[in-house]
């Protein structure tokens, strides 16, 4: 990895550490695994065509919840 990219990653992680881990805070308040069977029944993206592997359904719901609660845009959520 080149030094500039390493520097950018370090700066990004430093900023994220300063902001705190919002998802860790919600894990204490919400039993996320209870959503798994509900979401799994609605989320059917398993085809024989292949393609990109599915993300965990509960993780996707967590991201949507965080976006709504904290006003996070899609680009911020990707980070």
PDB file of N, CA and C in Angstrom:
ATOM      1  N   UNK A   1       0.859  -1.171   0.000  1.00  0.00           N
ATOM      2  CA  UNK A   1       0.000   0.000   0.000  1.00  0.00           C
ATOM      3  C   UNK A   1       0.904   1.232   0.000  1.00  0.00           C
ATOM      4  N   UNK A   2       0.599   2.180  -0.854  1.00  0.00           N
ATOM      5  CA  UNK A   2       1.441   3.367  -0.901  1.00  0.00           C
ATOM      6  C   UNK A   2       1.217   4.248   0.321  1.00  0.00           C
ATOM      7  N   UNK A   3       2.178   5.083   0.613  1.00  0.00           N
ATOM      8  CA  UNK A   3       2.144   5.862   1.856  1.00  0.00           C
ATOM      9  C   UNK A   3       1.007   6.876   1.874  1.00  0.00           C
ATOM     10  N   UNK A   4       0.647   7.442   0.712  1.00  0.00           N
ATOM     11  CA  UNK A   4      -0.449   8.408   0.688  1.00  0.00           C
ATOM     12  C   UNK A   4      -1.772   7.734   1.055  1.00  0.00           C
ATOM     13  N   UNK A   5      -2.030   6.572   0.480  1.00  0.00           N
ATOM     14  CA  UNK A   5      -3.259   5.845   0.784  1.00  0.00           C
ATOM     15  C   UNK A   5      -3.293   5.461   2.269  1.00  0.00           C
ATOM     16  N   UNK A   6      -2.170   5.019   2.779  1.00  0.00           N
ATOM     17  CA  UNK A   6      -2.083   4.666   4.198  1.00  0.00           C
ATOM     18  C   UNK A   6      -2.383   5.881   5.066  1.00  0.00           C
ATOM     19  N   UNK A   7      -1.854   7.023   4.688  1.00  0.00           N
ATOM     20  CA  UNK A   7      -2.117   8.259   5.424  1.00  0.00           C
ATOM     21  C   UNK A   7      -3.609   8.598   5.418  1.00  0.00           C
ATOM     22  N   UNK A   8      -4.249   8.494   4.254  1.00  0.00           N
ATOM     23  CA  UNK A   8      -5.687   8.794   4.144  1.00  0.00           C
ATOM     24  C   UNK A   8      -6.498   7.842   5.019  1.00  0.00           C
ATOM     25  N   UNK A   9      -6.167   6.551   4.990  1.00  0.00           N
ATOM     26  CA  UNK A   9      -6.867   5.584   5.842  1.00  0.00           C
ATOM     27  C   UNK A   9      -6.690   5.927   7.320  1.00  0.00           C
ATOM     28  N   UNK A  10      -5.488   6.285   7.698  1.00  0.00           N
ATOM     29  CA  UNK A  10      -5.237   6.630   9.098  1.00  0.00           C
ATOM     30  C   UNK A  10      -6.049   7.848   9.513  1.00  0.00           C
ATOM     31  N   UNK A  11      -6.117   8.849   8.643  1.00  0.00           N
ATOM     32  CA  UNK A  11      -6.902  10.042   8.948  1.00  0.00           C
ATOM     33  C   UNK A  11      -8.394   9.719   9.054  1.00  0.00           C
ATOM     34  N   UNK A  12      -8.871   8.875   8.165  1.00  0.00           N
ATOM     35  CA  UNK A  12     -10.280   8.484   8.181  1.00  0.00           C
ATOM     36  C   UNK A  12     -10.611   7.720   9.456  1.00  0.00           C
ATOM     37  N   UNK A  13      -9.783   6.748   9.820  1.00  0.00           N
ATOM     38  CA  UNK A  13     -10.021   5.976  11.040  1.00  0.00           C
ATOM     39  C   UNK A  13      -9.924   6.855  12.285  1.00  0.00           C
ATOM     40  N   UNK A  14      -9.012   7.814  12.266  1.00  0.00           N
ATOM     41  CA  UNK A  14      -8.887   8.738  13.398  1.00  0.00           C
ATOM     42  C   UNK A  14     -10.173   9.553  13.559  1.00  0.00           C
ATOM     43  N   UNK A  15     -10.717  10.020  12.449  1.00  0.00           N
ATOM     44  CA  UNK A  15     -11.962  10.793  12.480  1.00  0.00           C
ATOM     45  C   UNK A  15     -13.126   9.923  12.952  1.00  0.00           C
ATOM     46  N   UNK A  16     -13.201   8.686  12.466  1.00  0.00           N
ATOM     47  CA  UNK A  16     -14.270   7.785  12.900  1.00  0.00           C
ATOM     48  C   UNK A  16     -14.155   7.479  14.391  1.00  0.00           C
ATOM     49  N   UNK A  17     -12.947   7.327  14.886  1.00  0.00           N
ATOM     50  CA  UNK A  17     -12.753   7.079  16.314  1.00  0.00           C
ATOM     51  C   UNK A  17     -13.215   8.270  17.136  1.00  0.00           C
ATOM     52  N   UNK A  18     -12.954   9.460  16.637  1.00  0.00           N
ATOM     53  CA  UNK A  18     -13.378  10.673  17.337  1.00  0.00           C
ATOM     54  C   UNK A  18     -14.901  10.753  17.428  1.00  0.00           C
ATOM     55  N   UNK A  19     -15.576  10.347  16.358  1.00  0.00           N
ATOM     56  CA  UNK A  19     -17.040  10.410  16.325  1.00  0.00           C
ATOM     57  C   UNK A  19     -17.688   9.342  17.199  1.00  0.00           C
ATOM     58  N   UNK A  20     -16.997   8.248  17.424  1.00  0.00           N
ATOM     59  CA  UNK A  20     -17.559   7.169  18.226  1.00  0.00           C
ATOM     60  C   UNK A  20     -18.273   6.146  17.356  1.00  0.00           C
ATOM     61  N   UNK A  21     -18.475   4.986  17.916  1.00  0.00           N
ATOM     62  CA  UNK A  21     -19.116   3.890  17.198  1.00  0.00           C
ATOM     63  C   UNK A  21     -20.607   3.898  17.518  1.00  0.00           C
ATOM     64  N   UNK A  22     -21.385   4.496  16.643  1.00  0.00           N
ATOM     65  CA  UNK A  22     -22.828   4.610  16.871  1.00  0.00           C
ATOM     66  C   UNK A  22     -23.517   3.256  16.852  1.00  0.00           C
ATOM     67  N   UNK A  23     -23.029   2.363  16.019  1.00  0.00           N
ATOM     68  CA  UNK A  23     -23.650   1.054  15.915  1.00  0.00           C
ATOM     69  C   UNK A  23     -23.471   0.258  17.201  1.00  0.00           C
ATOM     70  N   UNK A  24     -22.347   0.401  17.856  1.00  0.00           N
ATOM     71  CA  UNK A  24     -22.114  -0.298  19.123  1.00  0.00           C
ATOM     72  C   UNK A  24     -23.106   0.176  20.189  1.00  0.00           C
ATOM     73  N   UNK A  25     -23.448   1.442  20.146  1.00  0.00           N
ATOM     74  CA  UNK A  25     -24.425   1.971  21.105  1.00  0.00           C
ATOM     75  C   UNK A  25     -25.812   1.360  20.877  1.00  0.00           C
ATOM     76  N   UNK A  26     -26.189   1.183  19.614  1.00  0.00           N
ATOM     77  CA  UNK A  26     -27.515   0.635  19.332  1.00  0.00           C
ATOM     78  C   UNK A  26     -27.584  -0.863  19.611  1.00  0.00           C
ATOM     79  N   UNK A  27     -26.448  -1.557  19.534  1.00  0.00           N
ATOM     80  CA  UNK A  27     -26.445  -2.999  19.817  1.00  0.00           C
ATOM     81  C   UNK A  27     -26.903  -3.295  21.237  1.00  0.00           C
ATOM     82  N   UNK A  28     -26.640  -2.384  22.148  1.00  0.00           N
ATOM     83  CA  UNK A  28     -27.051  -2.571  23.535  1.00  0.00           C
ATOM     84  C   UNK A  28     -28.554  -2.341  23.713  1.00  0.00           C
ATOM     85  N   UNK A  29     -29.140  -1.550  22.831  1.00  0.00           N
ATOM     86  CA  UNK A  29     -30.546  -1.170  22.986  1.00  0.00           C
ATOM     87  C   UNK A  29     -31.510  -2.046  22.185  1.00  0.00           C
ATOM     88  N   UNK A  30     -31.037  -2.689  21.125  1.00  0.00           N
ATOM     89  CA  UNK A  30     -31.918  -3.421  20.214  1.00  0.00           C
ATOM     90  C   UNK A  30     -31.412  -4.843  20.028  1.00  0.00           C
ATOM     91  N   UNK A  31     -32.320  -5.807  20.077  1.00  0.00           N
ATOM     92  CA  UNK A  31     -31.993  -7.209  19.812  1.00  0.00           C
ATOM     93  C   UNK A  31     -32.131  -7.438  18.311  1.00  0.00           C
ATOM     94  N   UNK A  32     -31.045  -7.229  17.583  1.00  0.00           N
ATOM     95  CA  UNK A  32     -31.077  -7.255  16.124  1.00  0.00           C
ATOM     96  C   UNK A  32     -31.376  -8.629  15.552  1.00  0.00           C
ATOM     97  N   UNK A  33     -30.903  -9.670  16.178  1.00  0.00           N
ATOM     98  CA  UNK A  33     -31.085 -11.018  15.628  1.00  0.00           C
ATOM     99  C   UNK A  33     -32.556 -11.430  15.559  1.00  0.00           C
ATOM    100  N   UNK A  34     -33.408 -10.794  16.319  1.00  0.00           N
ATOM    101  CA  UNK A  34     -34.840 -11.085  16.251  1.00  0.00           C
ATOM    102  C   UNK A  34     -35.417 -10.692  14.888  1.00  0.00           C
ATOM    103  N   UNK A  35     -34.751  -9.788  14.194  1.00  0.00           N
ATOM    104  CA  UNK A  35     -35.210  -9.344  12.880  1.00  0.00           C
ATOM    105  C   UNK A  35     -34.828 -10.305  11.761  1.00  0.00           C
ATOM    106  N   UNK A  36     -33.870 -11.173  12.013  1.00  0.00           N
ATOM    107  CA  UNK A  36     -33.344 -12.043  10.962  1.00  0.00           C
ATOM    108  C   UNK A  36     -34.427 -12.841  10.229  1.00  0.00           C
ATOM    109  N   UNK A  37     -35.301 -13.592  10.922  1.00  0.00           N
ATOM    110  CA  UNK A  37     -36.303 -14.376  10.187  1.00  0.00           C
ATOM    111  C   UNK A  37     -37.305 -13.511   9.414  1.00  0.00           C
ATOM    112  N   UNK A  38     -37.609 -12.350   9.942  1.00  0.00           N
ATOM    113  CA  UNK A  38     -38.567 -11.457   9.282  1.00  0.00           C
ATOM    114  C   UNK A  38     -37.968 -10.924   7.986  1.00  0.00           C
ATOM    115  N   UNK A  39     -36.749 -10.441   8.081  1.00  0.00           N
ATOM    116  CA  UNK A  39     -36.098  -9.844   6.918  1.00  0.00           C
ATOM    117  C   UNK A  39     -35.762 -10.905   5.878  1.00  0.00           C
ATOM    118  N   UNK A  40     -35.296 -12.056   6.325  1.00  0.00           N
ATOM    119  CA  UNK A  40     -34.908 -13.134   5.413  1.00  0.00           C
ATOM    120  C   UNK A  40     -36.087 -13.540   4.526  1.00  0.00           C
ATOM    121  N   UNK A  41     -37.290 -13.550   5.098  1.00  0.00           N
ATOM    122  CA  UNK A  41     -38.477 -13.924   4.328  1.00  0.00           C
ATOM    123  C   UNK A  41     -38.792 -12.895   3.239  1.00  0.00           C
ATOM    124  N   UNK A  42     -38.461 -11.623   3.459  1.00  0.00           N
ATOM    125  CA  UNK A  42     -38.747 -10.574   2.490  1.00  0.00           C
ATOM    126  C   UNK A  42     -37.618 -10.378   1.489  1.00  0.00           C
ATOM    127  N   UNK A  43     -36.423 -10.775   1.849  1.00  0.00           N
ATOM    128  CA  UNK A  43     -35.236 -10.484   1.052  1.00  0.00           C
ATOM    129  C   UNK A  43     -34.811 -11.733   0.298  1.00  0.00           C
ATOM    130  N   UNK A  44     -35.216 -11.819  -0.943  1.00  0.00           N
ATOM    131  CA  UNK A  44     -34.879 -12.985  -1.750  1.00  0.00           C
ATOM    132  C   UNK A  44     -34.076 -12.536  -2.958  1.00  0.00           C
ATOM    133  N   UNK A  45     -32.774 -12.668  -2.835  1.00  0.00           N
ATOM    134  CA  UNK A  45     -31.882 -12.257  -3.903  1.00  0.00           C
ATOM    135  C   UNK A  45     -30.937 -13.397  -4.270  1.00  0.00           C
ATOM    136  N   UNK A  46     -31.356 -14.612  -4.025  1.00  0.00           N
ATOM    137  CA  UNK A  46     -30.529 -15.770  -4.325  1.00  0.00           C
ATOM    138  C   UNK A  46     -30.944 -16.327  -5.688  1.00  0.00           C
ATOM    139  N   UNK A  47     -30.116 -16.089  -6.682  1.00  0.00           N
ATOM    140  CA  UNK A  47     -30.401 -16.594  -8.015  1.00  0.00           C
ATOM    141  C   UNK A  47     -29.266 -17.495  -8.473  1.00  0.00           C
ATOM    142  N   UNK A  48     -29.523 -18.252  -9.497  1.00  0.00           N
ATOM    143  CA  UNK A  48     -28.496 -19.136 -10.030  1.00  0.00           C
ATOM    144  C   UNK A  48     -27.550 -18.393 -10.971  1.00  0.00           C
ATOM    145  N   UNK A  49     -27.838 -17.148 -11.272  1.00  0.00           N
ATOM    146  CA  UNK A  49     -27.002 -16.379 -12.181  1.00  0.00           C
ATOM    147  C   UNK A  49     -25.658 -16.022 -11.560  1.00  0.00           C
ATOM    148  N   UNK A  50     -25.563 -16.131 -10.265  1.00  0.00           N
ATOM    149  CA  UNK A  50     -24.323 -15.744  -9.602  1.00  0.00           C
ATOM    150  C   UNK A  50     -24.346 -14.267  -9.268  1.00  0.00           C
ATOM    151  N   UNK A  51     -23.198 -13.646  -9.362  1.00  0.00           N
ATOM    152  CA  UNK A  51     -23.118 -12.227  -9.063  1.00  0.00           C
ATOM    153  C   UNK A  51     -22.524 -11.982  -7.692  1.00  0.00           C
ATOM    154  N   UNK A  52     -22.638 -10.767  -7.267  1.00  0.00           N
ATOM    155  CA  UNK A  52     -22.067 -10.355  -5.993  1.00  0.00           C
ATOM    156  C   UNK A  52     -22.784 -11.033  -4.835  1.00  0.00           C
ATOM    157  N   UNK A  53     -22.039 -11.498  -3.839  1.00  0.00           N
ATOM    158  CA  UNK A  53     -22.684 -12.134  -2.679  1.00  0.00           C
ATOM    159  C   UNK A  53     -23.563 -11.138  -1.925  1.00  0.00           C
ATOM    160  N   UNK A  54     -24.617 -11.647  -1.332  1.00  0.00           N
ATOM    161  CA  UNK A  54     -25.526 -10.801  -0.561  1.00  0.00           C
ATOM    162  C   UNK A  54     -24.870 -10.328   0.724  1.00  0.00           C
ATOM    163  N   UNK A  55     -25.223  -9.133   1.130  1.00  0.00           N
ATOM    164  CA  UNK A  55     -24.832  -8.654   2.447  1.00  0.00           C
ATOM    165  C   UNK A  55     -25.791  -9.243   3.470  1.00  0.00           C
ATOM    166  N   UNK A  56     -25.346  -9.278   4.710  1.00  0.00           N
ATOM    167  CA  UNK A  56     -26.207  -9.758   5.777  1.00  0.00           C
ATOM    168  C   UNK A  56     -27.432  -8.850   5.886  1.00  0.00           C
ATOM    169  N   UNK A  57     -28.607  -9.434   5.967  1.00  0.00           N
ATOM    170  CA  UNK A  57     -29.849  -8.666   5.986  1.00  0.00           C
ATOM    171  C   UNK A  57     -29.930  -7.738   7.190  1.00  0.00           C
ATOM    172  N   UNK A  58     -29.531  -8.235   8.348  1.00  0.00           N
ATOM    173  CA  UNK A  58     -29.611  -7.429   9.570  1.00  0.00           C
ATOM    174  C   UNK A  58     -28.638  -6.251   9.482  1.00  0.00           C
ATOM    175  N   UNK A  59     -27.480  -6.471   8.901  1.00  0.00           N
ATOM    176  CA  UNK A  59     -26.527  -5.374   8.717  1.00  0.00           C
ATOM    177  C   UNK A  59     -27.138  -4.271   7.876  1.00  0.00           C
ATOM    178  N   UNK A  60     -27.852  -4.635   6.828  1.00  0.00           N
ATOM    179  CA  UNK A  60     -28.481  -3.638   5.977  1.00  0.00           C
ATOM    180  C   UNK A  60     -29.547  -2.844   6.731  1.00  0.00           C
ATOM    181  N   UNK A  61     -30.300  -3.514   7.592  1.00  0.00           N
ATOM    182  CA  UNK A  61     -31.304  -2.813   8.402  1.00  0.00           C
ATOM    183  C   UNK A  61     -30.616  -1.880   9.385  1.00  0.00           C
ATOM    184  N   UNK A  62     -29.517  -2.330   9.978  1.00  0.00           N
ATOM    185  CA  UNK A  62     -28.764  -1.473  10.900  1.00  0.00           C
ATOM    186  C   UNK A  62     -28.313  -0.198  10.193  1.00  0.00           C
ATOM    187  N   UNK A  63     -27.832  -0.348   8.984  1.00  0.00           N
ATOM    188  CA  UNK A  63     -27.390   0.830   8.233  1.00  0.00           C
ATOM    189  C   UNK A  63     -28.545   1.791   7.964  1.00  0.00           C
ATOM    190  N   UNK A  64     -29.690   1.249   7.603  1.00  0.00           N
ATOM    191  CA  UNK A  64     -30.860   2.102   7.358  1.00  0.00           C
ATOM    192  C   UNK A  64     -31.298   2.831   8.628  1.00  0.00           C
ATOM    193  N   UNK A  65     -31.263   2.125   9.754  1.00  0.00           N
ATOM    194  CA  UNK A  65     -31.638   2.744  11.030  1.00  0.00           C
ATOM    195  C   UNK A  65     -30.663   3.865  11.374  1.00  0.00           C
ATOM    196  N   UNK A  66     -29.367   3.594  11.250  1.00  0.00           N
ATOM    197  CA  UNK A  66     -28.372   4.632  11.545  1.00  0.00           C
ATOM    198  C   UNK A  66     -28.518   5.839  10.620  1.00  0.00           C
ATOM    199  N   UNK A  67     -28.778   5.585   9.353  1.00  0.00           N
ATOM    200  CA  UNK A  67     -28.973   6.685   8.419  1.00  0.00           C
ATOM    201  C   UNK A  67     -30.142   7.561   8.845  1.00  0.00           C
ATOM    202  N   UNK A  68     -31.216   6.938   9.270  1.00  0.00           N
ATOM    203  CA  UNK A  68     -32.399   7.692   9.668  1.00  0.00           C
ATOM    204  C   UNK A  68     -32.170   8.453  10.969  1.00  0.00           C
ATOM    205  N   UNK A  69     -31.611   7.791  11.963  1.00  0.00           N
ATOM    206  CA  UNK A  69     -31.408   8.417  13.275  1.00  0.00           C
ATOM    207  C   UNK A  69     -30.419   9.572  13.245  1.00  0.00           C
ATOM    208  N   UNK A  70     -29.341   9.400  12.492  1.00  0.00           N
ATOM    209  CA  UNK A  70     -28.250  10.361  12.545  1.00  0.00           C
ATOM    210  C   UNK A  70     -28.102  11.198  11.280  1.00  0.00           C
ATOM    211  N   UNK A  71     -29.015  11.063  10.331  1.00  0.00           N
ATOM    212  CA  UNK A  71     -28.955  11.859   9.121  1.00  0.00           C
ATOM    213  C   UNK A  71     -27.723  11.557   8.281  1.00  0.00           C
ATOM    214  N   UNK A  72     -27.380  10.288   8.169  1.00  0.00           N
ATOM    215  CA  UNK A  72     -26.195   9.875   7.424  1.00  0.00           C
ATOM    216  C   UNK A  72     -26.597   9.606   5.977  1.00  0.00           C
ATOM    217  N   UNK A  73     -25.863  10.184   5.045  1.00  0.00           N
ATOM    218  CA  UNK A  73     -26.149   9.944   3.630  1.00  0.00           C
ATOM    219  C   UNK A  73     -25.553   8.596   3.207  1.00  0.00           C
ATOM    220  N   UNK A  74     -25.906   8.135   2.019  1.00  0.00           N
ATOM    221  CA  UNK A  74     -25.435   6.846   1.526  1.00  0.00           C
ATOM    222  C   UNK A  74     -23.915   6.774   1.452  1.00  0.00           C
ATOM    223  N   UNK A  75     -23.289   7.872   1.024  1.00  0.00           N
ATOM    224  CA  UNK A  75     -21.831   7.881   0.893  1.00  0.00           C
ATOM    225  C   UNK A  75     -21.152   7.728   2.249  1.00  0.00           C
ATOM    226  N   UNK A  76     -21.703   8.396   3.278  1.00  0.00           N
ATOM    227  CA  UNK A  76     -21.144   8.248   4.623  1.00  0.00           C
ATOM    228  C   UNK A  76     -21.342   6.850   5.155  1.00  0.00           C
ATOM    229  N   UNK A  77     -22.475   6.257   4.849  1.00  0.00           N
ATOM    230  CA  UNK A  77     -22.749   4.901   5.319  1.00  0.00           C
ATOM    231  C   UNK A  77     -21.781   3.900   4.687  1.00  0.00           C
ATOM    232  N   UNK A  78     -21.390   4.131   3.452  1.00  0.00           N
ATOM    233  CA  UNK A  78     -20.449   3.242   2.797  1.00  0.00           C
ATOM    234  C   UNK A  78     -19.087   3.254   3.481  1.00  0.00           C
ATOM    235  N   UNK A  79     -18.708   4.392   4.023  1.00  0.00           N
ATOM    236  CA  UNK A  79     -17.410   4.470   4.726  1.00  0.00           C
ATOM    237  C   UNK A  79     -17.449   3.625   5.966  1.00  0.00           C
TER     238      UNK A  79
END
